[in-house]
Amino acid sequence: MDRKKTDFLVGLFVLAGSAALVFLAFRVANLGGVELGNALDVRARFDNVGGLKPRAPVKSAGVTVGRVKSISFDDGTYQAVVMISLDRRFQFPKDTSAKILTSGLLGEQYIGLEPGGEASMLVAGSTIGMTQSAVVLENLISQFLYSKAAEPSSAGSGKAAKP
């Protein structure tokens, strides 16, 4: 009888651990969050979305105010079109700007909104006009290397060091 009780408790512990792992996996993948029931859908166009993914957070002043609904490609303008679902509790002016930012050095990407000063607010179907694309690490490294290669070399100045 004692053996059956121990086996039952071990099985219960393994089941609880498995449930916790599944819960954490959903949280990391942004799949376990609360769905925005009363959302305002707006769009933004970016030249480069980097590693932005659907369901990524949309933040303003560090507070999550929405989620990325979808990302598509416009073959007419050759830009990425990002559909954003904003919680209707948060109102943003029409001249709000959007940037693709990164949490930490190599963290997940999200959209940051900076409200403007216009009196009229975004409505469903609006397009955010001022956007800033994602910073691509490879582009920054190549710009740095090319700028260093373009600098004149100080080694070939012809002056010898005095002993």
N, C-alpha and C. Protein backbone atom coordinates (compact mmCIF):
# COMPACT_ATOMS: atom_id res chain seq x y z
N MET A 1 0.82 -1.19 0.00
CA MET A 1 0.00 0.00 0.00
C MET A 1 0.86 1.25 0.00
N ASP A 2 1.96 1.20 0.74
CA ASP A 2 2.85 2.34 0.81
C ASP A 2 3.50 2.61 -0.55
N ARG A 3 3.81 1.56 -1.30
CA ARG A 3 4.43 1.68 -2.62
C ARG A 3 3.48 2.34 -3.62
N LYS A 4 2.19 2.01 -3.54
CA LYS A 4 1.21 2.59 -4.45
C LYS A 4 1.05 4.09 -4.19
N LYS A 5 1.10 4.49 -2.93
CA LYS A 5 0.98 5.90 -2.59
C LYS A 5 2.18 6.69 -3.10
N THR A 6 3.37 6.11 -2.97
CA THR A 6 4.58 6.77 -3.48
C THR A 6 4.53 6.89 -4.99
N ASP A 7 4.12 5.84 -5.68
CA ASP A 7 4.00 5.88 -7.14
C ASP A 7 2.99 6.94 -7.57
N PHE A 8 1.89 7.04 -6.87
CA PHE A 8 0.88 8.04 -7.19
C PHE A 8 1.43 9.46 -7.03
N LEU A 9 2.13 9.71 -5.93
CA LEU A 9 2.70 11.04 -5.69
C LEU A 9 3.77 11.40 -6.71
N VAL A 10 4.60 10.42 -7.09
CA VAL A 10 5.61 10.67 -8.12
C VAL A 10 4.93 10.99 -9.45
N GLY A 11 3.90 10.24 -9.79
CA GLY A 11 3.15 10.50 -11.03
C GLY A 11 2.50 11.86 -11.02
N LEU A 12 1.95 12.26 -9.89
CA LEU A 12 1.34 13.58 -9.75
C LEU A 12 2.39 14.68 -9.90
N PHE A 13 3.58 14.47 -9.33
CA PHE A 13 4.66 15.44 -9.44
C PHE A 13 5.12 15.58 -10.90
N VAL A 14 5.24 14.46 -11.62
CA VAL A 14 5.65 14.50 -13.02
C VAL A 14 4.59 15.20 -13.87
N LEU A 15 3.33 14.95 -13.59
CA LEU A 15 2.23 15.59 -14.31
C LEU A 15 2.23 17.11 -14.08
N ALA A 16 2.44 17.52 -12.83
CA ALA A 16 2.51 18.96 -12.52
C ALA A 16 3.70 19.61 -13.19
N GLY A 17 4.84 18.93 -13.21
CA GLY A 17 6.03 19.46 -13.89
C GLY A 17 5.81 19.61 -15.38
N SER A 18 5.15 18.63 -16.00
CA SER A 18 4.86 18.70 -17.43
C SER A 18 3.91 19.85 -17.73
N ALA A 19 2.91 20.04 -16.90
CA ALA A 19 1.97 21.15 -17.09
C ALA A 19 2.69 22.49 -16.96
N ALA A 20 3.62 22.59 -16.03
CA ALA A 20 4.38 23.82 -15.86
C ALA A 20 5.25 24.10 -17.09
N LEU A 21 5.87 23.07 -17.66
CA LEU A 21 6.68 23.26 -18.87
C LEU A 21 5.84 23.71 -20.05
N VAL A 22 4.66 23.13 -20.21
CA VAL A 22 3.77 23.55 -21.29
C VAL A 22 3.34 25.00 -21.09
N PHE A 23 3.00 25.38 -19.88
CA PHE A 23 2.62 26.75 -19.57
C PHE A 23 3.76 27.72 -19.91
N LEU A 24 4.98 27.40 -19.51
CA LEU A 24 6.12 28.26 -19.80
C LEU A 24 6.39 28.35 -21.29
N ALA A 25 6.22 27.26 -22.01
CA ALA A 25 6.43 27.28 -23.46
C ALA A 25 5.43 28.22 -24.13
N PHE A 26 4.18 28.19 -23.69
CA PHE A 26 3.18 29.11 -24.25
C PHE A 26 3.49 30.56 -23.90
N ARG A 27 3.97 30.80 -22.70
CA ARG A 27 4.31 32.17 -22.29
C ARG A 27 5.48 32.71 -23.10
N VAL A 28 6.49 31.89 -23.34
CA VAL A 28 7.65 32.33 -24.12
C VAL A 28 7.25 32.61 -25.56
N ALA A 29 6.34 31.83 -26.10
CA ALA A 29 5.90 31.99 -27.49
C ALA A 29 4.79 33.03 -27.63
N ASN A 30 4.43 33.71 -26.56
CA ASN A 30 3.37 34.72 -26.57
C ASN A 30 2.03 34.14 -27.02
N LEU A 31 1.77 32.88 -26.74
CA LEU A 31 0.51 32.27 -27.13
C LEU A 31 -0.46 32.16 -25.98
N GLY A 32 -0.02 32.37 -24.78
CA GLY A 32 -0.89 32.17 -23.63
C GLY A 32 -1.48 33.45 -23.10
N GLY A 33 -1.29 34.56 -23.79
CA GLY A 33 -1.78 35.82 -23.30
C GLY A 33 -3.27 35.99 -23.52
N VAL A 34 -3.82 37.00 -22.92
CA VAL A 34 -5.23 37.31 -23.07
C VAL A 34 -5.44 37.95 -24.43
N GLU A 35 -6.46 37.50 -25.14
CA GLU A 35 -6.78 38.04 -26.46
C GLU A 35 -7.44 39.41 -26.28
N LEU A 36 -7.08 40.34 -27.17
CA LEU A 36 -7.68 41.66 -27.12
C LEU A 36 -9.08 41.58 -27.72
N GLY A 37 -10.10 41.66 -26.89
CA GLY A 37 -11.46 41.55 -27.38
C GLY A 37 -11.93 42.82 -28.07
N ASN A 38 -11.62 43.95 -27.49
CA ASN A 38 -12.05 45.24 -28.01
C ASN A 38 -10.83 45.95 -28.57
N ALA A 39 -10.46 45.59 -29.80
CA ALA A 39 -9.21 46.10 -30.36
C ALA A 39 -9.46 47.07 -31.50
N LEU A 40 -8.50 47.96 -31.70
CA LEU A 40 -8.49 48.92 -32.79
C LEU A 40 -7.36 48.51 -33.73
N ASP A 41 -7.69 48.13 -34.97
CA ASP A 41 -6.67 47.67 -35.92
C ASP A 41 -6.17 48.82 -36.76
N VAL A 42 -4.85 49.05 -36.70
CA VAL A 42 -4.19 50.05 -37.53
C VAL A 42 -3.03 49.37 -38.25
N ARG A 43 -2.48 50.04 -39.25
CA ARG A 43 -1.36 49.45 -39.99
C ARG A 43 -0.19 50.41 -39.99
N ALA A 44 0.98 49.83 -40.19
CA ALA A 44 2.22 50.60 -40.31
C ALA A 44 3.07 49.93 -41.37
N ARG A 45 3.79 50.74 -42.15
CA ARG A 45 4.65 50.21 -43.21
C ARG A 45 6.11 50.40 -42.80
N PHE A 46 6.89 49.33 -42.96
CA PHE A 46 8.30 49.35 -42.60
C PHE A 46 9.13 48.84 -43.77
N ASP A 47 10.34 49.39 -43.93
CA ASP A 47 11.26 48.90 -44.96
C ASP A 47 11.85 47.56 -44.55
N ASN A 48 12.03 47.35 -43.25
CA ASN A 48 12.62 46.11 -42.75
C ASN A 48 12.03 45.83 -41.37
N VAL A 49 11.42 44.66 -41.21
CA VAL A 49 10.84 44.30 -39.91
C VAL A 49 11.78 43.44 -39.08
N GLY A 50 12.94 43.06 -39.64
CA GLY A 50 13.89 42.24 -38.89
C GLY A 50 13.27 40.94 -38.43
N GLY A 51 13.33 40.66 -37.15
CA GLY A 51 12.79 39.42 -36.59
C GLY A 51 11.45 39.60 -35.92
N LEU A 52 10.72 40.67 -36.27
CA LEU A 52 9.40 40.89 -35.68
C LEU A 52 8.46 39.77 -36.08
N LYS A 53 7.64 39.31 -35.14
CA LYS A 53 6.74 38.19 -35.39
C LYS A 53 5.32 38.57 -34.98
N PRO A 54 4.34 37.90 -35.60
CA PRO A 54 2.96 38.12 -35.13
C PRO A 54 2.84 37.79 -33.64
N ARG A 55 1.96 38.49 -32.96
CA ARG A 55 1.73 38.40 -31.52
C ARG A 55 2.82 39.08 -30.69
N ALA A 56 3.78 39.75 -31.36
CA ALA A 56 4.80 40.51 -30.62
C ALA A 56 4.10 41.68 -29.92
N PRO A 57 4.61 42.10 -28.77
CA PRO A 57 3.97 43.20 -28.06
C PRO A 57 4.15 44.54 -28.77
N VAL A 58 3.18 45.40 -28.57
CA VAL A 58 3.24 46.80 -28.99
C VAL A 58 3.23 47.59 -27.69
N LYS A 59 4.28 48.40 -27.48
CA LYS A 59 4.42 49.09 -26.19
C LYS A 59 4.52 50.59 -26.39
N SER A 60 4.06 51.30 -25.39
CA SER A 60 4.23 52.74 -25.32
C SER A 60 4.61 53.07 -23.88
N ALA A 61 5.70 53.76 -23.69
CA ALA A 61 6.21 54.09 -22.35
C ALA A 61 6.44 52.84 -21.51
N GLY A 62 6.79 51.72 -22.17
CA GLY A 62 7.07 50.48 -21.47
C GLY A 62 5.85 49.65 -21.12
N VAL A 63 4.65 50.14 -21.45
CA VAL A 63 3.42 49.44 -21.14
C VAL A 63 2.90 48.77 -22.41
N THR A 64 2.51 47.51 -22.33
CA THR A 64 1.96 46.81 -23.49
C THR A 64 0.56 47.36 -23.77
N VAL A 65 0.39 47.94 -24.97
CA VAL A 65 -0.90 48.54 -25.34
C VAL A 65 -1.55 47.80 -26.50
N GLY A 66 -0.88 46.75 -27.00
CA GLY A 66 -1.44 46.00 -28.11
C GLY A 66 -0.53 44.87 -28.53
N ARG A 67 -0.86 44.26 -29.66
CA ARG A 67 -0.09 43.14 -30.22
C ARG A 67 -0.02 43.29 -31.73
N VAL A 68 1.02 42.70 -32.32
CA VAL A 68 1.13 42.63 -33.77
C VAL A 68 0.15 41.56 -34.24
N LYS A 69 -0.76 41.94 -35.11
CA LYS A 69 -1.78 41.01 -35.58
C LYS A 69 -1.26 40.18 -36.75
N SER A 70 -0.64 40.83 -37.74
CA SER A 70 -0.11 40.11 -38.90
C SER A 70 0.97 40.94 -39.57
N ILE A 71 1.79 40.25 -40.37
CA ILE A 71 2.84 40.90 -41.14
C ILE A 71 2.72 40.38 -42.56
N SER A 72 2.64 41.30 -43.53
CA SER A 72 2.54 40.91 -44.93
C SER A 72 3.49 41.77 -45.76
N PHE A 73 3.62 41.41 -47.03
CA PHE A 73 4.51 42.13 -47.93
C PHE A 73 3.69 42.78 -49.03
N ASP A 74 3.91 44.07 -49.25
CA ASP A 74 3.24 44.81 -50.32
C ASP A 74 4.17 44.83 -51.52
N ASP A 75 3.81 44.07 -52.58
CA ASP A 75 4.71 43.99 -53.73
C ASP A 75 4.65 45.24 -54.61
N GLY A 76 3.79 46.19 -54.30
CA GLY A 76 3.75 47.46 -55.04
C GLY A 76 4.78 48.44 -54.51
N THR A 77 4.92 48.49 -53.18
CA THR A 77 5.86 49.43 -52.56
C THR A 77 7.12 48.73 -52.04
N TYR A 78 7.11 47.40 -52.07
CA TYR A 78 8.23 46.59 -51.57
C TYR A 78 8.52 46.89 -50.10
N GLN A 79 7.45 47.01 -49.34
CA GLN A 79 7.55 47.24 -47.90
C GLN A 79 6.75 46.18 -47.15
N ALA A 80 7.11 46.01 -45.90
CA ALA A 80 6.35 45.13 -45.03
C ALA A 80 5.19 45.93 -44.43
N VAL A 81 4.01 45.34 -44.44
CA VAL A 81 2.83 45.97 -43.85
C VAL A 81 2.50 45.21 -42.58
N VAL A 82 2.54 45.92 -41.47
CA VAL A 82 2.29 45.32 -40.15
C VAL A 82 0.93 45.79 -39.66
N MET A 83 0.04 44.82 -39.41
CA MET A 83 -1.26 45.12 -38.82
C MET A 83 -1.11 45.05 -37.30
N ILE A 84 -1.54 46.10 -36.63
CA ILE A 84 -1.39 46.23 -35.19
C ILE A 84 -2.77 46.30 -34.55
N SER A 85 -3.00 45.49 -33.53
CA SER A 85 -4.24 45.55 -32.75
C SER A 85 -3.94 46.29 -31.46
N LEU A 86 -4.54 47.46 -31.31
CA LEU A 86 -4.36 48.27 -30.10
C LEU A 86 -5.59 48.13 -29.21
N ASP A 87 -5.37 48.07 -27.93
CA ASP A 87 -6.47 48.05 -26.97
C ASP A 87 -7.18 49.40 -27.04
N ARG A 88 -8.49 49.37 -27.17
CA ARG A 88 -9.26 50.62 -27.33
C ARG A 88 -9.21 51.52 -26.09
N ARG A 89 -8.77 50.98 -24.97
CA ARG A 89 -8.65 51.83 -23.77
C ARG A 89 -7.59 52.89 -23.96
N PHE A 90 -6.63 52.63 -24.87
CA PHE A 90 -5.53 53.56 -25.10
C PHE A 90 -5.74 54.29 -26.41
N GLN A 91 -5.84 55.61 -26.35
CA GLN A 91 -6.04 56.44 -27.53
C GLN A 91 -4.71 57.08 -27.92
N PHE A 92 -4.39 57.03 -29.21
CA PHE A 92 -3.15 57.62 -29.71
C PHE A 92 -3.46 58.64 -30.80
N PRO A 93 -2.73 59.78 -30.81
CA PRO A 93 -2.94 60.79 -31.86
C PRO A 93 -2.58 60.24 -33.24
N LYS A 94 -3.11 60.89 -34.29
CA LYS A 94 -2.86 60.44 -35.66
C LYS A 94 -1.40 60.56 -36.05
N ASP A 95 -0.66 61.48 -35.42
CA ASP A 95 0.75 61.64 -35.79
C ASP A 95 1.69 60.82 -34.90
N THR A 96 1.18 59.71 -34.37
CA THR A 96 1.98 58.79 -33.57
C THR A 96 3.03 58.14 -34.47
N SER A 97 4.22 57.93 -33.94
CA SER A 97 5.27 57.25 -34.70
C SER A 97 5.51 55.86 -34.13
N ALA A 98 5.97 54.95 -34.99
CA ALA A 98 6.20 53.56 -34.60
C ALA A 98 7.63 53.17 -34.94
N LYS A 99 8.30 52.48 -34.00
CA LYS A 99 9.65 51.97 -34.20
C LYS A 99 9.69 50.50 -33.85
N ILE A 100 10.54 49.76 -34.56
CA ILE A 100 10.76 48.37 -34.18
C ILE A 100 11.99 48.36 -33.27
N LEU A 101 11.79 47.93 -32.04
CA LEU A 101 12.84 47.95 -31.03
C LEU A 101 13.14 46.53 -30.58
N THR A 102 14.23 46.36 -29.83
CA THR A 102 14.64 45.07 -29.32
C THR A 102 14.76 45.13 -27.81
N SER A 103 14.23 44.12 -27.14
CA SER A 103 14.38 44.01 -25.68
C SER A 103 15.78 43.49 -25.40
N GLY A 104 16.61 44.31 -24.79
CA GLY A 104 17.98 43.89 -24.50
C GLY A 104 18.82 43.85 -25.77
N LEU A 105 19.99 43.23 -25.68
CA LEU A 105 20.90 43.18 -26.81
C LEU A 105 20.44 42.20 -27.88
N LEU A 106 20.03 41.01 -27.47
CA LEU A 106 19.60 40.00 -28.43
C LEU A 106 18.20 39.48 -28.11
N GLY A 107 17.37 40.30 -27.49
CA GLY A 107 16.05 39.85 -27.07
C GLY A 107 15.03 39.90 -28.18
N GLU A 108 13.77 39.70 -27.81
CA GLU A 108 12.69 39.71 -28.79
C GLU A 108 12.44 41.12 -29.30
N GLN A 109 11.90 41.22 -30.50
CA GLN A 109 11.60 42.53 -31.06
C GLN A 109 10.14 42.86 -30.80
N TYR A 110 9.89 44.15 -30.66
CA TYR A 110 8.54 44.64 -30.42
C TYR A 110 8.40 46.00 -31.08
N ILE A 111 7.18 46.49 -31.15
CA ILE A 111 6.93 47.81 -31.72
C ILE A 111 6.74 48.80 -30.59
N GLY A 112 7.47 49.91 -30.66
CA GLY A 112 7.34 50.99 -29.70
C GLY A 112 6.59 52.15 -30.34
N LEU A 113 5.57 52.63 -29.67
CA LEU A 113 4.78 53.76 -30.16
C LEU A 113 5.14 55.02 -29.38
N GLU A 114 5.34 56.11 -30.11
CA GLU A 114 5.56 57.41 -29.48
C GLU A 114 4.43 58.33 -29.91
N PRO A 115 3.58 58.74 -28.98
CA PRO A 115 2.45 59.59 -29.35
C PRO A 115 2.91 60.96 -29.83
N GLY A 116 2.16 61.49 -30.77
CA GLY A 116 2.43 62.84 -31.27
C GLY A 116 1.62 63.86 -30.50
N GLY A 117 1.39 65.00 -31.11
CA GLY A 117 0.68 66.07 -30.43
C GLY A 117 -0.61 66.48 -31.10
N GLU A 118 -1.03 65.77 -32.13
CA GLU A 118 -2.24 66.13 -32.86
C GLU A 118 -3.48 65.87 -31.99
N ALA A 119 -4.53 66.65 -32.23
CA ALA A 119 -5.76 66.52 -31.43
C ALA A 119 -6.59 65.31 -31.86
N SER A 120 -6.62 65.00 -33.16
CA SER A 120 -7.44 63.88 -33.61
C SER A 120 -6.71 62.56 -33.37
N MET A 121 -7.47 61.52 -33.09
CA MET A 121 -6.91 60.22 -32.71
C MET A 121 -6.97 59.22 -33.86
N LEU A 122 -6.17 58.15 -33.72
CA LEU A 122 -6.20 57.05 -34.68
C LEU A 122 -7.56 56.37 -34.62
N VAL A 123 -8.06 55.98 -35.78
CA VAL A 123 -9.32 55.23 -35.86
C VAL A 123 -9.04 53.90 -36.55
N ALA A 124 -9.99 53.00 -36.53
CA ALA A 124 -9.82 51.69 -37.16
C ALA A 124 -9.50 51.87 -38.64
N GLY A 125 -8.46 51.18 -39.10
CA GLY A 125 -8.05 51.26 -40.50
C GLY A 125 -7.04 52.36 -40.79
N SER A 126 -6.67 53.15 -39.78
CA SER A 126 -5.67 54.21 -39.98
C SER A 126 -4.30 53.61 -40.29
N THR A 127 -3.46 54.43 -40.90
CA THR A 127 -2.08 54.03 -41.16
C THR A 127 -1.16 54.97 -40.39
N ILE A 128 -0.23 54.38 -39.64
CA ILE A 128 0.78 55.18 -38.93
C ILE A 128 1.82 55.58 -39.97
N GLY A 129 1.97 56.88 -40.19
CA GLY A 129 2.82 57.37 -41.27
C GLY A 129 4.30 57.39 -40.95
N MET A 130 4.66 57.74 -39.72
CA MET A 130 6.07 57.84 -39.36
C MET A 130 6.53 56.54 -38.72
N THR A 131 7.40 55.83 -39.43
CA THR A 131 7.91 54.56 -38.91
C THR A 131 9.42 54.51 -39.02
N GLN A 132 10.01 53.71 -38.17
CA GLN A 132 11.46 53.47 -38.20
C GLN A 132 11.67 51.97 -38.18
N SER A 133 12.38 51.48 -39.19
CA SER A 133 12.57 50.04 -39.34
C SER A 133 13.49 49.48 -38.27
N ALA A 134 13.56 48.15 -38.26
CA ALA A 134 14.41 47.45 -37.30
C ALA A 134 15.88 47.70 -37.62
N VAL A 135 16.69 47.75 -36.60
CA VAL A 135 18.14 47.87 -36.76
C VAL A 135 18.69 46.46 -36.95
N VAL A 136 19.37 46.26 -38.06
CA VAL A 136 19.94 44.95 -38.36
C VAL A 136 21.41 44.97 -37.96
N LEU A 137 21.78 44.06 -37.08
CA LEU A 137 23.13 44.03 -36.52
C LEU A 137 24.20 43.88 -37.61
N GLU A 138 23.93 43.07 -38.62
CA GLU A 138 24.90 42.88 -39.71
C GLU A 138 25.16 44.18 -40.46
N ASN A 139 24.10 44.99 -40.66
CA ASN A 139 24.28 46.27 -41.34
C ASN A 139 25.13 47.23 -40.51
N LEU A 140 24.94 47.24 -39.21
CA LEU A 140 25.74 48.11 -38.34
C LEU A 140 27.22 47.70 -38.38
N ILE A 141 27.47 46.41 -38.35
CA ILE A 141 28.85 45.93 -38.38
C ILE A 141 29.50 46.28 -39.71
N SER A 142 28.79 46.09 -40.80
CA SER A 142 29.38 46.39 -42.12
C SER A 142 29.62 47.89 -42.27
N GLN A 143 28.73 48.74 -41.76
CA GLN A 143 28.95 50.18 -41.82
C GLN A 143 30.19 50.56 -41.02
N PHE A 144 30.36 49.95 -39.87
CA PHE A 144 31.54 50.23 -39.04
C PHE A 144 32.81 49.82 -39.77
N LEU A 145 32.81 48.62 -40.35
CA LEU A 145 34.00 48.13 -41.05
C LEU A 145 34.32 48.98 -42.27
N TYR A 146 33.31 49.39 -43.03
CA TYR A 146 33.56 50.22 -44.21
C TYR A 146 34.06 51.60 -43.82
N SER A 147 33.57 52.15 -42.72
CA SER A 147 34.05 53.47 -42.29
C SER A 147 35.49 53.38 -41.80
N LYS A 148 35.87 52.27 -41.16
CA LYS A 148 37.25 52.08 -40.73
C LYS A 148 38.17 51.87 -41.92
N ALA A 149 37.69 51.19 -42.95
CA ALA A 149 38.51 50.96 -44.14
C ALA A 149 38.72 52.25 -44.93
N ALA A 150 37.79 53.18 -44.84
CA ALA A 150 37.89 54.43 -45.59
C ALA A 150 38.79 55.46 -44.90
N GLU A 151 39.07 55.28 -43.61
CA GLU A 151 39.94 56.22 -42.89
C GLU A 151 41.37 56.08 -43.38
N PRO A 152 42.09 57.23 -43.46
CA PRO A 152 43.52 57.12 -43.87
C PRO A 152 44.33 56.42 -42.79
N SER A 153 45.29 55.64 -43.23
CA SER A 153 46.11 54.88 -42.30
C SER A 153 47.20 55.76 -41.71
N SER A 154 47.42 55.68 -40.41
CA SER A 154 48.47 56.47 -39.75
C SER A 154 49.79 55.70 -39.75
N ALA A 155 49.79 54.42 -40.14
CA ALA A 155 51.02 53.63 -40.11
C ALA A 155 51.96 54.01 -41.24
N GLY A 156 51.44 54.51 -42.34
CA GLY A 156 52.29 54.82 -43.48
C GLY A 156 52.67 56.29 -43.55
N SER A 157 52.84 56.98 -42.43
CA SER A 157 53.13 58.40 -42.43
C SER A 157 54.59 58.70 -42.73
N GLY A 158 55.44 57.71 -42.68
CA GLY A 158 56.85 57.91 -43.02
C GLY A 158 57.72 58.37 -41.89
N LYS A 159 57.20 58.64 -40.72
CA LYS A 159 57.99 59.10 -39.59
C LYS A 159 58.41 57.89 -38.77
N ALA A 160 59.66 57.85 -38.51
CA ALA A 160 60.20 56.75 -37.69
C ALA A 160 60.21 57.17 -36.23
N ALA A 161 59.99 56.23 -35.36
CA ALA A 161 60.00 56.51 -33.93
C ALA A 161 61.44 56.68 -33.48
N LYS A 162 61.69 57.67 -32.62
CA LYS A 162 63.03 57.92 -32.10
C LYS A 162 63.29 57.00 -30.92
N PRO A 163 64.50 56.43 -30.88
CA PRO A 163 64.83 55.52 -29.76
C PRO A 163 65.08 56.24 -28.47
